[in-house]
Amino acid sequence: MPLRPLTVGELLDAAVGLLRENAKTLLAVALVLAAVEQVALYPLRDLAAVRPPTYFPPYTDHLAEYWLMIGAGYATEVGIIALLGGLAAQAAAASITGQARTPRAMLSPGGSRLAVVAIISVLVGLLGGLGALACWVPWIFTYGLLGLAVPAAIIDGKGPLGAIGRSVVLSSRVGLRACWIRLIGYLSWLAIRMGLGFGGLAALAFFGVPYTTRWVTVTGIAVWTVVNTVAYATLACLDSVLHLETRMRTEGLDISATLARRNNRPIRLAVS
């Protein structure tokens, strides 16, 4: 990651680059979490009488169940991205300090501050789900303002509540810049996910996969699992590089890191 403030396009590129360098670990964990999410949401989707690939409600008398499914889906999305942020933040910090982290070290409960990351993930997931249930307007700000909480815990060394507060502070700087960039990243990957999700099932049908209810359900879950795996991992990486870039832009992290390198001193990322 370059030691300077970045444009929006450069931030998105840096996120993809971070994922590429740590693909095995991030994608493996993301795949497991995305699969668990699909299984967990299946009963709610069945209750709402929706089917892949669109999951749109066919009957107006199931709108209450559908709305509950929507809230649960947004809660799991936000929570999974936060969980993956624990791994992405370690990788992003290593790219600055030069202290490489092995996959085993990244997954170690102690070294990854798993308990703190889990608490933050549950909190932001619940807030994200409630925000979606409240007609999405609160979700815009809960998603935009709380995305840097896990990087703040891993990189800045904050506790759960301190990390959430730190995320709000960083995301609010420079006219809510980090907040809007995080939303841009989410919407960009939402469009990609919808295209790949809908198109993936259409491609399977083109190659002769039976278009029965059972097969559509199974293949729909499989396609969305794969698509979400990449999306969640990339968005987690975006949160981490956005956190570091915001500190460079507003706190001079790039200057202190450059001076430390020139003087052969360790780069300290934690804040008091």
C-alpha atoms as a PDB file:
ATOM      1  CA  MET A   1       0.000   0.000   0.000  1.00  0.00           C
ATOM      2  CA  PRO A   2       1.471   3.389  -0.996  1.00  0.00           C
ATOM      3  CA  LEU A   3       2.422   5.672   1.887  1.00  0.00           C
ATOM      4  CA  ARG A   4       0.347   8.642   0.731  1.00  0.00           C
ATOM      5  CA  PRO A   5      -3.304   9.709   0.515  1.00  0.00           C
ATOM      6  CA  LEU A   6      -5.074   7.822  -2.279  1.00  0.00           C
ATOM      7  CA  THR A   7      -7.885   8.526  -4.709  1.00  0.00           C
ATOM      8  CA  VAL A   8     -11.071   6.450  -4.599  1.00  0.00           C
ATOM      9  CA  GLY A   9      -9.909   4.380  -7.553  1.00  0.00           C
ATOM     10  CA  GLU A  10      -6.527   3.772  -5.955  1.00  0.00           C
ATOM     11  CA  LEU A  11      -8.226   2.675  -2.739  1.00  0.00           C
ATOM     12  CA  LEU A  12     -10.319   0.113  -4.611  1.00  0.00           C
ATOM     13  CA  ASP A  13      -7.192  -1.111  -6.415  1.00  0.00           C
ATOM     14  CA  ALA A  14      -5.302  -1.337  -3.124  1.00  0.00           C
ATOM     15  CA  ALA A  15      -8.123  -3.415  -1.634  1.00  0.00           C
ATOM     16  CA  VAL A  16      -8.001  -5.859  -4.545  1.00  0.00           C
ATOM     17  CA  GLY A  17      -4.208  -5.987  -4.282  1.00  0.00           C
ATOM     18  CA  LEU A  18      -4.404  -6.754  -0.558  1.00  0.00           C
ATOM     19  CA  LEU A  19      -6.862  -9.565  -1.266  1.00  0.00           C
ATOM     20  CA  ARG A  20      -4.660 -10.964  -4.021  1.00  0.00           C
ATOM     21  CA  GLU A  21      -1.638 -11.098  -1.707  1.00  0.00           C
ATOM     22  CA  ASN A  22      -3.622 -12.885   1.020  1.00  0.00           C
ATOM     23  CA  ALA A  23      -6.113 -14.741  -1.140  1.00  0.00           C
ATOM     24  CA  LYS A  24      -5.747 -18.225   0.334  1.00  0.00           C
ATOM     25  CA  THR A  25      -6.472 -17.201   3.906  1.00  0.00           C
ATOM     26  CA  LEU A  26      -9.113 -14.556   3.238  1.00  0.00           C
ATOM     27  CA  LEU A  27     -11.047 -16.465   0.586  1.00  0.00           C
ATOM     28  CA  ALA A  28     -10.993 -19.725   2.540  1.00  0.00           C
ATOM     29  CA  VAL A  29     -12.476 -18.086   5.628  1.00  0.00           C
ATOM     30  CA  ALA A  30     -14.880 -16.021   3.516  1.00  0.00           C
ATOM     31  CA  LEU A  31     -16.115 -19.171   1.755  1.00  0.00           C
ATOM     32  CA  VAL A  32     -16.920 -20.861   5.069  1.00  0.00           C
ATOM     33  CA  LEU A  33     -18.719 -17.790   6.416  1.00  0.00           C
ATOM     34  CA  ALA A  34     -20.655 -17.235   3.180  1.00  0.00           C
ATOM     35  CA  ALA A  35     -21.776 -20.880   3.150  1.00  0.00           C
ATOM     36  CA  VAL A  36     -22.890 -20.709   6.788  1.00  0.00           C
ATOM     37  CA  GLU A  37     -24.809 -17.527   5.967  1.00  0.00           C
ATOM     38  CA  GLN A  38     -26.695 -19.218   3.122  1.00  0.00           C
ATOM     39  CA  VAL A  39     -27.641 -22.151   5.337  1.00  0.00           C
ATOM     40  CA  ALA A  40     -28.703 -19.863   8.190  1.00  0.00           C
ATOM     41  CA  LEU A  41     -30.884 -17.709   5.919  1.00  0.00           C
ATOM     42  CA  TYR A  42     -32.573 -20.652   4.174  1.00  0.00           C
ATOM     43  CA  PRO A  43     -35.370 -21.089   6.782  1.00  0.00           C
ATOM     44  CA  LEU A  44     -36.195 -17.372   6.616  1.00  0.00           C
ATOM     45  CA  ARG A  45     -36.249 -17.459   2.816  1.00  0.00           C
ATOM     46  CA  ASP A  46     -38.499 -20.502   2.905  1.00  0.00           C
ATOM     47  CA  LEU A  47     -40.792 -18.733   5.378  1.00  0.00           C
ATOM     48  CA  ALA A  48     -40.938 -15.714   3.069  1.00  0.00           C
ATOM     49  CA  ALA A  49     -41.683 -18.013   0.090  1.00  0.00           C
ATOM     50  CA  VAL A  50     -38.814 -16.672  -2.026  1.00  0.00           C
ATOM     51  CA  ARG A  51     -36.555 -18.587  -4.383  1.00  0.00           C
ATOM     52  CA  PRO A  52     -33.217 -17.901  -6.084  1.00  0.00           C
ATOM     53  CA  PRO A  53     -31.836 -16.244  -8.050  1.00  0.00           C
ATOM     54  CA  THR A  54     -33.719 -13.018  -7.297  1.00  0.00           C
ATOM     55  CA  TYR A  55     -35.294 -13.810  -3.905  1.00  0.00           C
ATOM     56  CA  PHE A  56     -38.052 -11.332  -4.752  1.00  0.00           C
ATOM     57  CA  PRO A  57     -41.378 -11.836  -2.880  1.00  0.00           C
ATOM     58  CA  PRO A  58     -43.994 -13.456  -5.148  1.00  0.00           C
ATOM     59  CA  TYR A  59     -46.870 -12.905  -2.717  1.00  0.00           C
ATOM     60  CA  THR A  60     -47.838  -9.717  -0.922  1.00  0.00           C
ATOM     61  CA  ASP A  61     -49.132 -11.695   2.071  1.00  0.00           C
ATOM     62  CA  HIS A  62     -45.523 -12.662   2.923  1.00  0.00           C
ATOM     63  CA  LEU A  63     -44.148  -9.125   3.177  1.00  0.00           C
ATOM     64  CA  ALA A  64     -43.656  -9.288   6.956  1.00  0.00           C
ATOM     65  CA  GLU A  65     -41.604 -12.475   6.659  1.00  0.00           C
ATOM     66  CA  TYR A  66     -39.743 -11.012   3.689  1.00  0.00           C
ATOM     67  CA  TRP A  67     -38.829  -7.879   5.630  1.00  0.00           C
ATOM     68  CA  LEU A  68     -37.526 -10.011   8.485  1.00  0.00           C
ATOM     69  CA  MET A  69     -35.396 -11.945   5.989  1.00  0.00           C
ATOM     70  CA  ILE A  70     -34.031  -8.680   4.586  1.00  0.00           C
ATOM     71  CA  GLY A  71     -33.007  -7.471   8.038  1.00  0.00           C
ATOM     72  CA  ALA A  72     -31.345 -10.780   8.882  1.00  0.00           C
ATOM     73  CA  GLY A  73     -29.514 -10.785   5.547  1.00  0.00           C
ATOM     74  CA  TYR A  74     -28.075  -7.327   6.054  1.00  0.00           C
ATOM     75  CA  ALA A  75     -27.084  -8.215   9.618  1.00  0.00           C
ATOM     76  CA  THR A  76     -25.159 -11.299   8.492  1.00  0.00           C
ATOM     77  CA  GLU A  77     -23.495  -9.394   5.645  1.00  0.00           C
ATOM     78  CA  VAL A  78     -22.220  -6.636   7.891  1.00  0.00           C
ATOM     79  CA  GLY A  79     -21.135  -9.127  10.539  1.00  0.00           C
ATOM     80  CA  ILE A  80     -19.235 -11.316   8.080  1.00  0.00           C
ATOM     81  CA  ILE A  81     -17.424  -8.350   6.530  1.00  0.00           C
ATOM     82  CA  ALA A  82     -16.417  -7.262  10.031  1.00  0.00           C
ATOM     83  CA  LEU A  83     -15.141 -10.748  10.919  1.00  0.00           C
ATOM     84  CA  LEU A  84     -13.065 -10.877   7.747  1.00  0.00           C
ATOM     85  CA  GLY A  85     -11.826  -7.400   8.581  1.00  0.00           C
ATOM     86  CA  GLY A  86      -9.849  -8.915  11.433  1.00  0.00           C
ATOM     87  CA  LEU A  87      -7.740 -10.863   8.941  1.00  0.00           C
ATOM     88  CA  ALA A  88      -7.579  -8.074   6.367  1.00  0.00           C
ATOM     89  CA  ALA A  89      -6.451  -5.552   8.986  1.00  0.00           C
ATOM     90  CA  GLN A  90      -3.568  -7.787  10.032  1.00  0.00           C
ATOM     91  CA  ALA A  91      -2.471  -8.102   6.411  1.00  0.00           C
ATOM     92  CA  ALA A  92      -2.824  -4.360   5.792  1.00  0.00           C
ATOM     93  CA  ALA A  93      -0.809  -3.512   8.893  1.00  0.00           C
ATOM     94  CA  ALA A  94       1.912  -5.947   7.809  1.00  0.00           C
ATOM     95  CA  SER A  95       2.125  -4.208   4.426  1.00  0.00           C
ATOM     96  CA  ILE A  96       3.003  -0.980   6.253  1.00  0.00           C
ATOM     97  CA  THR A  97       5.286  -2.319   8.979  1.00  0.00           C
ATOM     98  CA  GLY A  98       6.976  -4.950   6.824  1.00  0.00           C
ATOM     99  CA  GLN A  99       6.368  -7.612   9.475  1.00  0.00           C
ATOM    100  CA  ALA A 100       4.755 -10.393   7.462  1.00  0.00           C
ATOM    101  CA  ARG A 101       2.046 -12.498   9.106  1.00  0.00           C
ATOM    102  CA  THR A 102       1.715 -16.191   8.283  1.00  0.00           C
ATOM    103  CA  PRO A 103      -1.777 -17.645   7.763  1.00  0.00           C
ATOM    104  CA  ARG A 104      -1.435 -19.553  11.035  1.00  0.00           C
ATOM    105  CA  ALA A 105      -0.557 -16.370  12.920  1.00  0.00           C
ATOM    106  CA  MET A 106      -3.439 -14.500  11.282  1.00  0.00           C
ATOM    107  CA  LEU A 107      -5.904 -17.189  12.355  1.00  0.00           C
ATOM    108  CA  SER A 108      -4.523 -17.559  15.873  1.00  0.00           C
ATOM    109  CA  PRO A 109      -7.230 -16.494  18.388  1.00  0.00           C
ATOM    110  CA  GLY A 110      -4.713 -14.575  20.488  1.00  0.00           C
ATOM    111  CA  GLY A 111      -2.802 -12.880  17.711  1.00  0.00           C
ATOM    112  CA  SER A 112      -5.952 -11.957  15.790  1.00  0.00           C
ATOM    113  CA  ARG A 113      -7.799 -10.557  18.856  1.00  0.00           C
ATOM    114  CA  LEU A 114     -10.653 -12.867  17.916  1.00  0.00           C
ATOM    115  CA  ALA A 115     -12.794 -12.100  20.961  1.00  0.00           C
ATOM    116  CA  VAL A 116     -12.676  -8.346  20.340  1.00  0.00           C
ATOM    117  CA  VAL A 117     -13.365  -8.807  16.621  1.00  0.00           C
ATOM    118  CA  ALA A 118     -16.297 -11.131  17.376  1.00  0.00           C
ATOM    119  CA  ILE A 119     -17.867  -8.647  19.790  1.00  0.00           C
ATOM    120  CA  ILE A 120     -17.550  -5.814  17.278  1.00  0.00           C
ATOM    121  CA  SER A 121     -18.942  -8.013  14.494  1.00  0.00           C
ATOM    122  CA  VAL A 122     -22.030  -8.876  16.535  1.00  0.00           C
ATOM    123  CA  LEU A 123     -22.616  -5.244  17.507  1.00  0.00           C
ATOM    124  CA  VAL A 124     -22.230  -3.774  14.024  1.00  0.00           C
ATOM    125  CA  GLY A 125     -24.176  -6.688  12.528  1.00  0.00           C
ATOM    126  CA  LEU A 126     -27.131  -6.063  14.824  1.00  0.00           C
ATOM    127  CA  LEU A 127     -27.023  -2.329  14.122  1.00  0.00           C
ATOM    128  CA  GLY A 128     -26.814  -3.000  10.392  1.00  0.00           C
ATOM    129  CA  GLY A 129     -29.793  -5.356  10.506  1.00  0.00           C
ATOM    130  CA  LEU A 130     -31.887  -2.919  12.539  1.00  0.00           C
ATOM    131  CA  GLY A 131     -30.906  -0.113  10.193  1.00  0.00           C
ATOM    132  CA  ALA A 132     -32.079  -2.139   7.191  1.00  0.00           C
ATOM    133  CA  LEU A 133     -35.380  -2.952   8.909  1.00  0.00           C
ATOM    134  CA  ALA A 134     -35.910   0.780   9.470  1.00  0.00           C
ATOM    135  CA  CYS A 135     -36.261   1.374   5.718  1.00  0.00           C
ATOM    136  CA  TRP A 136     -32.495   1.510   5.067  1.00  0.00           C
ATOM    137  CA  VAL A 137     -31.895   5.175   5.896  1.00  0.00           C
ATOM    138  CA  PRO A 138     -30.236   4.377   9.265  1.00  0.00           C
ATOM    139  CA  TRP A 139     -28.367   1.521   7.571  1.00  0.00           C
ATOM    140  CA  ILE A 140     -26.583   4.009   5.304  1.00  0.00           C
ATOM    141  CA  PHE A 141     -24.935   5.621   8.302  1.00  0.00           C
ATOM    142  CA  THR A 142     -24.441   2.505  10.421  1.00  0.00           C
ATOM    143  CA  TYR A 143     -22.701   0.789   7.511  1.00  0.00           C
ATOM    144  CA  GLY A 144     -20.771   3.874   6.470  1.00  0.00           C
ATOM    145  CA  LEU A 145     -19.635   4.978   9.922  1.00  0.00           C
ATOM    146  CA  LEU A 146     -18.902   1.665  11.662  1.00  0.00           C
ATOM    147  CA  GLY A 147     -16.851  -0.086   8.997  1.00  0.00           C
ATOM    148  CA  LEU A 148     -13.486   0.955  10.404  1.00  0.00           C
ATOM    149  CA  ALA A 149     -14.190  -0.485  13.865  1.00  0.00           C
ATOM    150  CA  VAL A 150     -12.411  -3.806  13.355  1.00  0.00           C
ATOM    151  CA  PRO A 151      -9.342  -2.187  11.726  1.00  0.00           C
ATOM    152  CA  ALA A 152      -9.293   0.212  14.686  1.00  0.00           C
ATOM    153  CA  ALA A 153      -9.239  -2.770  17.046  1.00  0.00           C
ATOM    154  CA  ILE A 154      -6.481  -4.622  15.175  1.00  0.00           C
ATOM    155  CA  ILE A 155      -4.314  -1.759  13.912  1.00  0.00           C
ATOM    156  CA  ASP A 156      -4.929   0.918  16.549  1.00  0.00           C
ATOM    157  CA  GLY A 157      -5.183  -1.500  19.483  1.00  0.00           C
ATOM    158  CA  LYS A 158      -8.610  -0.348  20.664  1.00  0.00           C
ATOM    159  CA  GLY A 159     -11.203  -2.305  22.647  1.00  0.00           C
ATOM    160  CA  PRO A 160     -14.710  -2.982  21.254  1.00  0.00           C
ATOM    161  CA  LEU A 161     -16.381   0.279  22.294  1.00  0.00           C
ATOM    162  CA  GLY A 162     -13.243   2.326  21.732  1.00  0.00           C
ATOM    163  CA  ALA A 163     -12.899   0.841  18.250  1.00  0.00           C
ATOM    164  CA  ILE A 164     -16.494   1.713  17.373  1.00  0.00           C
ATOM    165  CA  GLY A 165     -15.981   5.265  18.591  1.00  0.00           C
ATOM    166  CA  ARG A 166     -12.702   5.508  16.692  1.00  0.00           C
ATOM    167  CA  SER A 167     -14.464   4.285  13.537  1.00  0.00           C
ATOM    168  CA  VAL A 168     -17.126   6.983  13.815  1.00  0.00           C
ATOM    169  CA  VAL A 169     -14.467   9.667  14.314  1.00  0.00           C
ATOM    170  CA  LEU A 170     -12.312   8.555  11.374  1.00  0.00           C
ATOM    171  CA  SER A 171     -15.284   8.018   9.051  1.00  0.00           C
ATOM    172  CA  SER A 172     -16.672  11.477   9.840  1.00  0.00           C
ATOM    173  CA  ARG A 173     -13.516  13.359   8.873  1.00  0.00           C
ATOM    174  CA  VAL A 174     -13.114  15.307   5.620  1.00  0.00           C
ATOM    175  CA  GLY A 175     -16.850  15.519   5.012  1.00  0.00           C
ATOM    176  CA  LEU A 176     -17.640  11.873   5.833  1.00  0.00           C
ATOM    177  CA  ARG A 177     -15.166  10.815   3.149  1.00  0.00           C
ATOM    178  CA  ALA A 178     -14.540   7.306   4.476  1.00  0.00           C
ATOM    179  CA  CYS A 179     -18.265   6.801   5.023  1.00  0.00           C
ATOM    180  CA  TRP A 180     -19.130   7.616   1.399  1.00  0.00           C
ATOM    181  CA  ILE A 181     -16.230   5.579   0.016  1.00  0.00           C
ATOM    182  CA  ARG A 182     -17.345   2.555   2.006  1.00  0.00           C
ATOM    183  CA  LEU A 183     -20.858   2.943   0.580  1.00  0.00           C
ATOM    184  CA  ILE A 184     -19.439   3.292  -2.936  1.00  0.00           C
ATOM    185  CA  GLY A 185     -17.524   0.058  -2.449  1.00  0.00           C
ATOM    186  CA  TYR A 186     -20.595  -1.761  -1.165  1.00  0.00           C
ATOM    187  CA  LEU A 187     -22.844  -0.557  -3.994  1.00  0.00           C
ATOM    188  CA  SER A 188     -20.202  -1.415  -6.596  1.00  0.00           C
ATOM    189  CA  TRP A 189     -19.913  -4.965  -5.322  1.00  0.00           C
ATOM    190  CA  LEU A 190     -23.694  -5.222  -4.942  1.00  0.00           C
ATOM    191  CA  ALA A 191     -24.026  -4.558  -8.672  1.00  0.00           C
ATOM    192  CA  ILE A 192     -21.298  -7.110  -9.424  1.00  0.00           C
ATOM    193  CA  ARG A 193     -22.915  -9.682  -7.130  1.00  0.00           C
ATOM    194  CA  MET A 194     -26.323  -9.235  -8.718  1.00  0.00           C
ATOM    195  CA  GLY A 195     -24.885  -9.558 -12.210  1.00  0.00           C
ATOM    196  CA  LEU A 196     -22.876 -12.671 -11.373  1.00  0.00           C
ATOM    197  CA  GLY A 197     -25.628 -14.182  -9.230  1.00  0.00           C
ATOM    198  CA  PHE A 198     -28.385 -13.789 -11.792  1.00  0.00           C
ATOM    199  CA  GLY A 199     -26.066 -14.527 -14.703  1.00  0.00           C
ATOM    200  CA  GLY A 200     -24.568 -17.582 -13.029  1.00  0.00           C
ATOM    201  CA  LEU A 201     -27.905 -19.336 -12.772  1.00  0.00           C
ATOM    202  CA  ALA A 202     -28.780 -18.341 -16.329  1.00  0.00           C
ATOM    203  CA  ALA A 203     -25.478 -19.847 -17.501  1.00  0.00           C
ATOM    204  CA  LEU A 204     -26.178 -23.085 -15.643  1.00  0.00           C
ATOM    205  CA  ALA A 205     -29.598 -23.290 -17.282  1.00  0.00           C
ATOM    206  CA  PHE A 206     -27.994 -22.648 -20.682  1.00  0.00           C
ATOM    207  CA  PHE A 207     -25.662 -25.615 -20.162  1.00  0.00           C
ATOM    208  CA  GLY A 208     -28.529 -27.938 -19.346  1.00  0.00           C
ATOM    209  CA  VAL A 209     -28.853 -27.832 -15.562  1.00  0.00           C
ATOM    210  CA  PRO A 210     -32.495 -28.842 -14.841  1.00  0.00           C
ATOM    211  CA  TYR A 211     -34.609 -25.808 -13.981  1.00  0.00           C
ATOM    212  CA  THR A 212     -36.558 -27.505 -11.213  1.00  0.00           C
ATOM    213  CA  THR A 213     -37.283 -26.027  -7.800  1.00  0.00           C
ATOM    214  CA  ARG A 214     -34.765 -28.272  -6.054  1.00  0.00           C
ATOM    215  CA  TRP A 215     -31.959 -27.657  -8.539  1.00  0.00           C
ATOM    216  CA  VAL A 216     -32.592 -23.915  -8.647  1.00  0.00           C
ATOM    217  CA  THR A 217     -32.417 -23.793  -4.851  1.00  0.00           C
ATOM    218  CA  VAL A 218     -29.206 -25.830  -4.648  1.00  0.00           C
ATOM    219  CA  THR A 219     -27.434 -24.074  -7.512  1.00  0.00           C
ATOM    220  CA  GLY A 220     -28.689 -20.691  -6.337  1.00  0.00           C
ATOM    221  CA  ILE A 221     -27.179 -21.219  -2.899  1.00  0.00           C
ATOM    222  CA  ALA A 222     -23.913 -22.412  -4.472  1.00  0.00           C
ATOM    223  CA  VAL A 223     -23.665 -19.474  -6.887  1.00  0.00           C
ATOM    224  CA  TRP A 224     -24.453 -16.848  -4.259  1.00  0.00           C
ATOM    225  CA  THR A 225     -21.984 -18.456  -1.859  1.00  0.00           C
ATOM    226  CA  VAL A 226     -19.146 -18.160  -4.370  1.00  0.00           C
ATOM    227  CA  VAL A 227     -20.076 -14.620  -5.402  1.00  0.00           C
ATOM    228  CA  ASN A 228     -20.416 -13.433  -1.806  1.00  0.00           C
ATOM    229  CA  THR A 229     -17.108 -15.057  -0.884  1.00  0.00           C
ATOM    230  CA  VAL A 230     -15.192 -12.733  -3.182  1.00  0.00           C
ATOM    231  CA  ALA A 231     -17.335  -9.697  -2.389  1.00  0.00           C
ATOM    232  CA  TYR A 232     -17.085 -10.008   1.389  1.00  0.00           C
ATOM    233  CA  ALA A 233     -13.323 -10.546   1.315  1.00  0.00           C
ATOM    234  CA  THR A 234     -12.796  -7.560  -0.981  1.00  0.00           C
ATOM    235  CA  LEU A 235     -14.982  -5.269   1.116  1.00  0.00           C
ATOM    236  CA  ALA A 236     -13.102  -6.314   4.254  1.00  0.00           C
ATOM    237  CA  CYS A 237      -9.840  -5.401   2.523  1.00  0.00           C
ATOM    238  CA  LEU A 238     -11.329  -2.059   1.480  1.00  0.00           C
ATOM    239  CA  ASP A 239     -12.148  -1.285   5.119  1.00  0.00           C
ATOM    240  CA  SER A 240      -8.559  -1.941   6.169  1.00  0.00           C
ATOM    241  CA  VAL A 241      -6.876   0.115   3.454  1.00  0.00           C
ATOM    242  CA  LEU A 242      -9.458   2.865   3.954  1.00  0.00           C
ATOM    243  CA  HIS A 243      -8.641   2.952   7.658  1.00  0.00           C
ATOM    244  CA  LEU A 244      -4.919   3.336   7.004  1.00  0.00           C
ATOM    245  CA  GLU A 245      -5.472   5.864   4.213  1.00  0.00           C
ATOM    246  CA  THR A 246      -7.716   7.978   6.425  1.00  0.00           C
ATOM    247  CA  ARG A 247      -5.009   8.030   9.076  1.00  0.00           C
ATOM    248  CA  MET A 248      -2.481   9.083   6.430  1.00  0.00           C
ATOM    249  CA  ARG A 249      -4.775  11.816   5.177  1.00  0.00           C
ATOM    250  CA  THR A 250      -5.779  13.201   8.575  1.00  0.00           C
ATOM    251  CA  GLU A 251      -3.120  12.104  11.081  1.00  0.00           C
ATOM    252  CA  GLY A 252       0.098  12.019   9.062  1.00  0.00           C
ATOM    253  CA  LEU A 253       0.620   8.270   9.356  1.00  0.00           C
ATOM    254  CA  ASP A 254       2.451   8.263   6.024  1.00  0.00           C
ATOM    255  CA  ILE A 255       4.935  10.851   7.311  1.00  0.00           C
ATOM    256  CA  SER A 256       5.669   9.034  10.567  1.00  0.00           C
ATOM    257  CA  ALA A 257       6.001   5.686   8.761  1.00  0.00           C
ATOM    258  CA  THR A 258       8.382   7.155   6.171  1.00  0.00           C
ATOM    259  CA  LEU A 259      10.555   8.749   8.856  1.00  0.00           C
ATOM    260  CA  ALA A 260      10.650   5.484  10.806  1.00  0.00           C
ATOM    261  CA  ARG A 261      11.804   3.598   7.710  1.00  0.00           C
ATOM    262  CA  ARG A 262      14.526   6.125   6.959  1.00  0.00           C
ATOM    263  CA  ASN A 263      15.837   5.913  10.525  1.00  0.00           C
ATOM    264  CA  ASN A 264      15.534   2.105  10.662  1.00  0.00           C
ATOM    265  CA  ARG A 265      13.031   2.306  13.496  1.00  0.00           C
ATOM    266  CA  PRO A 266       9.961   0.074  13.896  1.00  0.00           C
ATOM    267  CA  ILE A 267       6.724   1.556  12.591  1.00  0.00           C
ATOM    268  CA  ARG A 268       4.194   1.899  15.399  1.00  0.00           C
ATOM    269  CA  LEU A 269       0.567   1.842  14.287  1.00  0.00           C
ATOM    270  CA  ALA A 270      -1.174   1.636  17.666  1.00  0.00           C
ATOM    271  CA  VAL A 271      -2.617   4.840  19.098  1.00  0.00           C
ATOM    272  CA  SER A 272      -3.254   5.818  22.700  1.00  0.00           C
END
